[in-house]
Structure formats: structure tokens, C-alpha cells
């Protein structure tokens, strides 16, 4: 069963009048081959489910890709990216996070296809193992 949770950073509000559901939908529908030519011509949501298995819980949030510095004067002057982050609790208890840039907080979801931002896999209570490419996700999940 997929658990879908949507959260938007309150300090940023809704970009361009769009909702967080639109940002998540853009990420789920993004074609993974557009992000990495070695991956299939498949929507990200479908591909992710095939990688993590039917028993994994997938939750979504919309955030600033970790780019805010915390100083409103500085952050207001910047074009902060908008990420849709899939957080997956795998059946064995590990946590997988994959973030895709879907636009920015000035305009909202962009016209460009979403792109890979970051990913990590974390053992229960452990430190994150950062993954530098989307192609690393399947092997990392399976490599237990």
C-alpha cells in the first residue's frame, strides 16, 4: 500500500498558485530516461515502485531541496528550487529518499522535465549512504 503524505514548507507558501499535489504529480509522471539515459522510458512513480517493491510505503513531500539558509533576507533574494521528495520505508526497515527538482518557489512547477537532485539510503539508526545518480538506486536497494 502506498502512503502519500504531502507537506509544503509554510515559510514558502504556494508557488505560482500551484499546489503541492501538482509538484508531486510532476515528479511521479517524470520519465526516468529523461533523467538518466540508461534507465527505461517509464514514469518515475512506476519505476520507483518497481525498485522498492509493493510492500514498501512511499510518502511524498514538497520542499526547498535543502537550499534555504535560514536568513529571510538572504532567502527572499534567491530563486529557491522546489523538490518533490519520495521517502520510502522499505520492508526491511531501511529508508530511501529520492528528490527531484520540479521547479522553483518563484514560478512553481516548471515547464522543463523534472531532474534528479539527490538520493540516500539509510539503515535503521545509521548514517545516510548518499547516491550520486538515479541509476545507483536499484543496486543500493537490492544490495543488502
Protein backbone atom coordinates (compact mmCIF):
# COMPACT_ATOMS: atom_id res chain seq x y z
CA UNK A 1 0.00 0.00 0.00
CA UNK A 2 1.28 3.44 -0.88
CA UNK A 3 1.08 6.09 1.79
CA UNK A 4 1.07 9.54 0.23
CA UNK A 5 1.86 12.46 2.51
CA UNK A 6 2.06 15.97 1.13
CA UNK A 7 3.84 18.74 3.06
CA UNK A 8 4.84 22.19 1.91
CA UNK A 9 7.21 24.39 3.85
CA UNK A 10 4.98 27.00 5.46
CA UNK A 11 7.56 29.75 5.06
CA UNK A 12 7.48 29.38 1.29
CA UNK A 13 3.75 29.10 0.70
CA UNK A 14 2.29 28.03 -2.64
CA UNK A 15 4.42 28.92 -5.62
CA UNK A 16 2.67 30.44 -8.59
CA UNK A 17 -0.70 29.44 -7.10
CA UNK A 18 0.12 25.78 -7.60
CA UNK A 19 -0.49 23.09 -5.05
CA UNK A 20 1.90 20.55 -3.65
CA UNK A 21 -0.16 17.87 -5.41
CA UNK A 22 0.88 19.37 -8.75
CA UNK A 23 4.55 19.20 -7.76
CA UNK A 24 4.23 15.56 -6.69
CA UNK A 25 2.29 14.71 -9.85
CA UNK A 26 5.06 16.25 -11.97
CA UNK A 27 7.64 14.09 -10.16
CA UNK A 28 5.58 10.89 -10.39
CA UNK A 29 4.97 11.41 -14.13
CA UNK A 30 8.58 12.38 -14.98
CA UNK A 31 10.19 9.92 -17.37
CA UNK A 32 13.26 8.37 -15.73
CA UNK A 33 15.07 8.09 -19.08
CA UNK A 34 14.97 11.91 -19.29
CA UNK A 35 16.98 11.97 -16.04
CA UNK A 36 19.34 9.13 -16.95
CA UNK A 37 19.68 7.65 -20.44
CA UNK A 38 20.42 4.17 -19.04
CA UNK A 39 17.02 3.92 -17.36
CA UNK A 40 13.74 2.85 -19.02
CA UNK A 41 11.15 5.08 -20.68
CA UNK A 42 8.94 4.81 -17.59
CA UNK A 43 7.27 7.35 -15.27
CA UNK A 44 9.28 7.87 -12.08
CA UNK A 45 6.41 6.74 -9.80
CA UNK A 46 6.07 3.43 -11.67
CA UNK A 47 9.84 2.93 -11.80
CA UNK A 48 10.27 3.68 -8.10
CA UNK A 49 7.54 1.18 -7.15
CA UNK A 50 9.25 -1.49 -9.27
CA UNK A 51 12.56 -0.79 -7.48
CA UNK A 52 11.25 -0.75 -3.90
CA UNK A 53 8.55 -3.44 -4.18
CA UNK A 54 4.85 -3.50 -3.44
CA UNK A 55 5.31 -3.78 0.34
CA UNK A 56 7.23 -0.51 0.73
CA UNK A 57 5.45 2.63 1.93
CA UNK A 58 6.06 5.68 -0.23
CA UNK A 59 5.36 9.14 1.17
CA UNK A 60 5.85 12.43 -0.65
CA UNK A 61 6.78 15.91 0.49
CA UNK A 62 7.49 19.13 -1.36
CA UNK A 63 10.41 21.15 -0.05
CA UNK A 64 13.22 23.57 -0.85
CA UNK A 65 15.75 20.85 -1.75
CA UNK A 66 17.65 21.85 1.42
CA UNK A 67 18.68 25.15 -0.14
CA UNK A 68 17.34 27.74 2.30
CA UNK A 69 19.99 29.19 4.58
CA UNK A 70 17.55 30.27 7.29
CA UNK A 71 18.07 34.02 6.91
CA UNK A 72 14.87 35.51 5.43
CA UNK A 73 16.76 38.46 3.93
CA UNK A 74 19.07 36.14 2.02
CA UNK A 75 16.46 33.52 1.14
CA UNK A 76 13.98 36.07 -0.24
CA UNK A 77 16.58 37.28 -2.72
CA UNK A 78 17.32 33.78 -4.04
CA UNK A 79 15.49 31.62 -6.56
CA UNK A 80 14.96 28.59 -4.30
CA UNK A 81 14.44 25.28 -6.13
CA UNK A 82 11.34 23.18 -5.48
CA UNK A 83 11.83 19.45 -4.91
CA UNK A 84 9.32 16.65 -4.70
CA UNK A 85 10.85 14.10 -2.33
CA UNK A 86 9.81 10.46 -2.25
CA UNK A 87 10.56 8.96 1.18
CA UNK A 88 10.31 5.19 1.12
CA UNK A 89 10.21 2.91 4.14
CA UNK A 90 11.44 -0.40 2.76
CA UNK A 91 10.07 -3.66 4.13
CA UNK A 92 13.36 -4.36 5.92
CA UNK A 93 13.19 -1.03 7.78
CA UNK A 94 15.69 0.94 5.70
CA UNK A 95 14.76 4.42 4.49
CA UNK A 96 15.25 5.59 0.91
CA UNK A 97 14.89 9.24 -0.07
CA UNK A 98 14.87 10.46 -3.68
CA UNK A 99 14.42 14.15 -4.51
CA UNK A 100 13.58 15.54 -7.94
CA UNK A 101 13.65 19.23 -8.84
CA UNK A 102 10.26 20.10 -10.32
CA UNK A 103 10.56 23.88 -10.48
CA UNK A 104 11.26 26.78 -8.14
CA UNK A 105 9.38 28.69 -5.47
CA UNK A 106 9.10 31.83 -7.60
CA UNK A 107 7.20 30.31 -10.53
CA UNK A 108 6.14 26.91 -9.24
CA UNK A 109 6.29 23.68 -11.24
CA UNK A 110 8.37 24.40 -14.31
CA UNK A 111 7.97 23.64 -17.99
CA UNK A 112 11.23 21.70 -18.03
CA UNK A 113 11.11 17.99 -17.16
CA UNK A 114 11.97 17.25 -13.52
CA UNK A 115 15.59 16.37 -12.82
CA UNK A 116 17.40 14.27 -10.24
CA UNK A 117 18.56 16.30 -7.21
CA UNK A 118 19.67 13.83 -4.55
CA UNK A 119 19.11 10.41 -3.01
CA UNK A 120 20.22 8.49 0.02
CA UNK A 121 19.64 5.11 1.62
CA UNK A 122 19.82 4.76 5.38
CA UNK A 123 19.95 1.71 7.59
CA UNK A 124 17.81 1.90 10.72
CA UNK A 125 19.67 4.21 13.09
CA UNK A 126 22.59 4.54 10.69
CA UNK A 127 24.10 7.27 8.59
CA UNK A 128 22.83 8.01 5.10
CA UNK A 129 24.63 6.47 2.15
CA UNK A 130 24.41 9.24 -0.47
CA UNK A 131 23.73 8.19 -4.04
CA UNK A 132 25.05 10.49 -6.75
CA UNK A 133 22.95 9.18 -9.64
CA UNK A 134 19.47 7.80 -10.10
CA UNK A 135 20.96 4.62 -11.60
CA UNK A 136 22.52 3.82 -8.19
CA UNK A 137 19.11 3.47 -6.53
CA UNK A 138 18.13 -0.06 -7.69
CA UNK A 139 21.50 -1.61 -6.82
CA UNK A 140 21.62 0.10 -3.44
CA UNK A 141 18.12 -1.05 -2.53
CA UNK A 142 18.81 -4.63 -3.67
CA UNK A 143 22.39 -4.76 -2.35
CA UNK A 144 21.52 -5.77 1.19
